[in-house]
Amino acid sequence: MQDSLFELRCAAEDVKTAVNEGATSAEITQLCNEFVALAHKTEKFRMKE
């Protein structure tokens, strides 16, 4: 669970960095898709407990 939370935070930071650096819409969309996938993965860990 701890690793998943770290991955989730890193994904959020990647989105923030991309926006601040002027990434294209396609790049931001891809990062957001990865962010959402990680959030779903992390949520499944919580459901298993």
PDB file of N, CA and C in Angstrom:
ATOM      1  N   MET A   1       0.832  -1.198   0.000  1.00  0.00           N
ATOM      2  CA  MET A   1       0.000   0.000   0.000  1.00  0.00           C
ATOM      3  C   MET A   1       0.872   1.255   0.000  1.00  0.00           C
ATOM      4  N   GLN A   2       1.924   1.222   0.799  1.00  0.00           N
ATOM      5  CA  GLN A   2       2.820   2.384   0.895  1.00  0.00           C
ATOM      6  C   GLN A   2       3.430   2.709  -0.471  1.00  0.00           C
ATOM      7  N   ASP A   3       3.852   1.679  -1.206  1.00  0.00           N
ATOM      8  CA  ASP A   3       4.432   1.896  -2.533  1.00  0.00           C
ATOM      9  C   ASP A   3       3.405   2.496  -3.493  1.00  0.00           C
ATOM     10  N   SER A   4       2.172   2.027  -3.395  1.00  0.00           N
ATOM     11  CA  SER A   4       1.121   2.541  -4.271  1.00  0.00           C
ATOM     12  C   SER A   4       0.822   4.011  -3.990  1.00  0.00           C
ATOM     13  N   LEU A   5       0.838   4.383  -2.727  1.00  0.00           N
ATOM     14  CA  LEU A   5       0.622   5.787  -2.384  1.00  0.00           C
ATOM     15  C   LEU A   5       1.761   6.660  -2.909  1.00  0.00           C
ATOM     16  N   PHE A   6       2.975   6.153  -2.840  1.00  0.00           N
ATOM     17  CA  PHE A   6       4.129   6.884  -3.377  1.00  0.00           C
ATOM     18  C   PHE A   6       3.981   7.049  -4.886  1.00  0.00           C
ATOM     19  N   GLU A   7       3.601   5.974  -5.577  1.00  0.00           N
ATOM     20  CA  GLU A   7       3.397   6.043  -7.023  1.00  0.00           C
ATOM     21  C   GLU A   7       2.304   7.056  -7.370  1.00  0.00           C
ATOM     22  N   LEU A   8       1.253   7.052  -6.578  1.00  0.00           N
ATOM     23  CA  LEU A   8       0.147   7.973  -6.818  1.00  0.00           C
ATOM     24  C   LEU A   8       0.593   9.426  -6.658  1.00  0.00           C
ATOM     25  N   ARG A   9       1.362   9.698  -5.612  1.00  0.00           N
ATOM     26  CA  ARG A   9       1.877  11.057  -5.405  1.00  0.00           C
ATOM     27  C   ARG A   9       2.791  11.467  -6.553  1.00  0.00           C
ATOM     28  N   CYS A  10       3.659  10.566  -6.978  1.00  0.00           N
ATOM     29  CA  CYS A  10       4.567  10.876  -8.091  1.00  0.00           C
ATOM     30  C   CYS A  10       3.792  11.174  -9.374  1.00  0.00           C
ATOM     31  N   ALA A  11       2.727  10.423  -9.611  1.00  0.00           N
ATOM     32  CA  ALA A  11       1.909  10.662 -10.803  1.00  0.00           C
ATOM     33  C   ALA A  11       1.269  12.047 -10.751  1.00  0.00           C
ATOM     34  N   ALA A  12       0.792  12.434  -9.576  1.00  0.00           N
ATOM     35  CA  ALA A  12       0.204  13.769  -9.422  1.00  0.00           C
ATOM     36  C   ALA A  12       1.257  14.844  -9.674  1.00  0.00           C
ATOM     37  N   GLU A  13       2.448  14.632  -9.146  1.00  0.00           N
ATOM     38  CA  GLU A  13       3.530  15.601  -9.359  1.00  0.00           C
ATOM     39  C   GLU A  13       3.927  15.666 -10.830  1.00  0.00           C
ATOM     40  N   ASP A  14       3.893  14.529 -11.520  1.00  0.00           N
ATOM     41  CA  ASP A  14       4.204  14.520 -12.954  1.00  0.00           C
ATOM     42  C   ASP A  14       3.211  15.366 -13.735  1.00  0.00           C
ATOM     43  N   VAL A  15       1.932  15.262 -13.385  1.00  0.00           N
ATOM     44  CA  VAL A  15       0.908  16.077 -14.054  1.00  0.00           C
ATOM     45  C   VAL A  15       1.173  17.552 -13.786  1.00  0.00           C
ATOM     46  N   LYS A  16       1.426  17.884 -12.548  1.00  0.00           N
ATOM     47  CA  LYS A  16       1.685  19.283 -12.181  1.00  0.00           C
ATOM     48  C   LYS A  16       2.894  19.836 -12.943  1.00  0.00           C
ATOM     49  N   THR A  17       3.970  19.058 -12.981  1.00  0.00           N
ATOM     50  CA  THR A  17       5.183  19.485 -13.681  1.00  0.00           C
ATOM     51  C   THR A  17       4.909  19.680 -15.166  1.00  0.00           C
ATOM     52  N   ALA A  18       4.189  18.742 -15.753  1.00  0.00           N
ATOM     53  CA  ALA A  18       3.885  18.831 -17.183  1.00  0.00           C
ATOM     54  C   ALA A  18       3.087  20.095 -17.493  1.00  0.00           C
ATOM     55  N   VAL A  19       2.103  20.394 -16.661  1.00  0.00           N
ATOM     56  CA  VAL A  19       1.295  21.605 -16.874  1.00  0.00           C
ATOM     57  C   VAL A  19       2.178  22.841 -16.745  1.00  0.00           C
ATOM     58  N   ASN A  20       3.001  22.888 -15.703  1.00  0.00           N
ATOM     59  CA  ASN A  20       3.871  24.046 -15.481  1.00  0.00           C
ATOM     60  C   ASN A  20       4.900  24.235 -16.590  1.00  0.00           C
ATOM     61  N   GLU A  21       5.286  23.142 -17.240  1.00  0.00           N
ATOM     62  CA  GLU A  21       6.296  23.223 -18.303  1.00  0.00           C
ATOM     63  C   GLU A  21       5.678  23.345 -19.697  1.00  0.00           C
ATOM     64  N   GLY A  22       4.359  23.491 -19.753  1.00  0.00           N
ATOM     65  CA  GLY A  22       3.706  23.714 -21.044  1.00  0.00           C
ATOM     66  C   GLY A  22       3.561  22.486 -21.916  1.00  0.00           C
ATOM     67  N   ALA A  23       3.357  21.341 -21.295  1.00  0.00           N
ATOM     68  CA  ALA A  23       3.178  20.107 -22.062  1.00  0.00           C
ATOM     69  C   ALA A  23       1.954  20.225 -22.961  1.00  0.00           C
ATOM     70  N   THR A  24       1.953  19.431 -24.004  1.00  0.00           N
ATOM     71  CA  THR A  24       0.809  19.434 -24.921  1.00  0.00           C
ATOM     72  C   THR A  24      -0.402  18.790 -24.255  1.00  0.00           C
ATOM     73  N   SER A  25      -1.542  19.044 -24.829  1.00  0.00           N
ATOM     74  CA  SER A  25      -2.779  18.443 -24.332  1.00  0.00           C
ATOM     75  C   SER A  25      -2.688  16.920 -24.360  1.00  0.00           C
ATOM     76  N   ALA A  26      -2.109  16.377 -25.397  1.00  0.00           N
ATOM     77  CA  ALA A  26      -1.972  14.916 -25.517  1.00  0.00           C
ATOM     78  C   ALA A  26      -1.079  14.358 -24.410  1.00  0.00           C
ATOM     79  N   GLU A  27       0.000  15.060 -24.098  1.00  0.00           N
ATOM     80  CA  GLU A  27       0.898  14.610 -23.028  1.00  0.00           C
ATOM     81  C   GLU A  27       0.204  14.659 -21.673  1.00  0.00           C
ATOM     82  N   ILE A  28      -0.525  15.723 -21.429  1.00  0.00           N
ATOM     83  CA  ILE A  28      -1.237  15.856 -20.154  1.00  0.00           C
ATOM     84  C   ILE A  28      -2.337  14.802 -20.051  1.00  0.00           C
ATOM     85  N   THR A  29      -3.032  14.551 -21.143  1.00  0.00           N
ATOM     86  CA  THR A  29      -4.068  13.516 -21.155  1.00  0.00           C
ATOM     87  C   THR A  29      -3.473  12.156 -20.809  1.00  0.00           C
ATOM     88  N   GLN A  30      -2.328  11.831 -21.380  1.00  0.00           N
ATOM     89  CA  GLN A  30      -1.674  10.556 -21.100  1.00  0.00           C
ATOM     90  C   GLN A  30      -1.290  10.466 -19.618  1.00  0.00           C
ATOM     91  N   LEU A  31      -0.720  11.522 -19.082  1.00  0.00           N
ATOM     92  CA  LEU A  31      -0.347  11.526 -17.663  1.00  0.00           C
ATOM     93  C   LEU A  31      -1.575  11.397 -16.771  1.00  0.00           C
ATOM     94  N   CYS A  32      -2.647  12.063 -17.127  1.00  0.00           N
ATOM     95  CA  CYS A  32      -3.882  11.959 -16.347  1.00  0.00           C
ATOM     96  C   CYS A  32      -4.455  10.545 -16.400  1.00  0.00           C
ATOM     97  N   ASN A  33      -4.383   9.918 -17.561  1.00  0.00           N
ATOM     98  CA  ASN A  33      -4.844   8.528 -17.682  1.00  0.00           C
ATOM     99  C   ASN A  33      -4.038   7.603 -16.773  1.00  0.00           C
ATOM    100  N   GLU A  34      -2.732   7.801 -16.724  1.00  0.00           N
ATOM    101  CA  GLU A  34      -1.878   7.003 -15.845  1.00  0.00           C
ATOM    102  C   GLU A  34      -2.210   7.282 -14.379  1.00  0.00           C
ATOM    103  N   PHE A  35      -2.453   8.545 -14.060  1.00  0.00           N
ATOM    104  CA  PHE A  35      -2.799   8.951 -12.704  1.00  0.00           C
ATOM    105  C   PHE A  35      -4.081   8.256 -12.248  1.00  0.00           C
ATOM    106  N   VAL A  36      -5.102   8.269 -13.103  1.00  0.00           N
ATOM    107  CA  VAL A  36      -6.375   7.637 -12.773  1.00  0.00           C
ATOM    108  C   VAL A  36      -6.204   6.122 -12.622  1.00  0.00           C
ATOM    109  N   ALA A  37      -5.427   5.515 -13.493  1.00  0.00           N
ATOM    110  CA  ALA A  37      -5.185   4.067 -13.394  1.00  0.00           C
ATOM    111  C   ALA A  37      -4.509   3.720 -12.068  1.00  0.00           C
ATOM    112  N   LEU A  38      -3.546   4.521 -11.662  1.00  0.00           N
ATOM    113  CA  LEU A  38      -2.884   4.289 -10.377  1.00  0.00           C
ATOM    114  C   LEU A  38      -3.844   4.484  -9.209  1.00  0.00           C
ATOM    115  N   ALA A  39      -4.720   5.458  -9.324  1.00  0.00           N
ATOM    116  CA  ALA A  39      -5.705   5.687  -8.264  1.00  0.00           C
ATOM    117  C   ALA A  39      -6.628   4.481  -8.130  1.00  0.00           C
ATOM    118  N   HIS A  40      -7.057   3.922  -9.257  1.00  0.00           N
ATOM    119  CA  HIS A  40      -7.902   2.728  -9.214  1.00  0.00           C
ATOM    120  C   HIS A  40      -7.143   1.546  -8.589  1.00  0.00           C
ATOM    121  N   LYS A  41      -5.886   1.392  -8.960  1.00  0.00           N
ATOM    122  CA  LYS A  41      -5.048   0.320  -8.412  1.00  0.00           C
ATOM    123  C   LYS A  41      -4.916   0.481  -6.891  1.00  0.00           C
ATOM    124  N   THR A  42      -4.681   1.686  -6.437  1.00  0.00           N
ATOM    125  CA  THR A  42      -4.520   1.952  -5.007  1.00  0.00           C
ATOM    126  C   THR A  42      -5.835   1.701  -4.268  1.00  0.00           C
ATOM    127  N   GLU A  43      -6.930   2.073  -4.879  1.00  0.00           N
ATOM    128  CA  GLU A  43      -8.233   1.863  -4.261  1.00  0.00           C
ATOM    129  C   GLU A  43      -8.522   0.376  -4.065  1.00  0.00           C
ATOM    130  N   LYS A  44      -8.077  -0.452  -4.987  1.00  0.00           N
ATOM    131  CA  LYS A  44      -8.268  -1.903  -4.859  1.00  0.00           C
ATOM    132  C   LYS A  44      -7.540  -2.458  -3.644  1.00  0.00           C
ATOM    133  N   PHE A  45      -6.381  -1.904  -3.311  1.00  0.00           N
ATOM    134  CA  PHE A  45      -5.657  -2.343  -2.112  1.00  0.00           C
ATOM    135  C   PHE A  45      -6.512  -2.098  -0.878  1.00  0.00           C
ATOM    136  N   ARG A  46      -7.161  -0.959  -0.822  1.00  0.00           N
ATOM    137  CA  ARG A  46      -7.982  -0.596   0.327  1.00  0.00           C
ATOM    138  C   ARG A  46      -9.163  -1.560   0.444  1.00  0.00           C
ATOM    139  N   MET A  47      -9.717  -1.956  -0.670  1.00  0.00           N
ATOM    140  CA  MET A  47     -10.892  -2.839  -0.675  1.00  0.00           C
ATOM    141  C   MET A  47     -10.526  -4.253  -0.205  1.00  0.00           C
ATOM    142  N   LYS A  48      -9.269  -4.658  -0.391  1.00  0.00           N
ATOM    143  CA  LYS A  48      -8.841  -5.999   0.003  1.00  0.00           C
ATOM    144  C   LYS A  48      -8.708  -6.133   1.511  1.00  0.00           C
ATOM    145  N   GLU A  49      -8.530  -5.022   2.211  1.00  0.00           N
ATOM    146  CA  GLU A  49      -8.313  -5.080   3.658  1.00  0.00           C
ATOM    147  C   GLU A  49      -9.554  -5.412   4.424  1.00  0.00           C
TER     148      GLU A  49
END
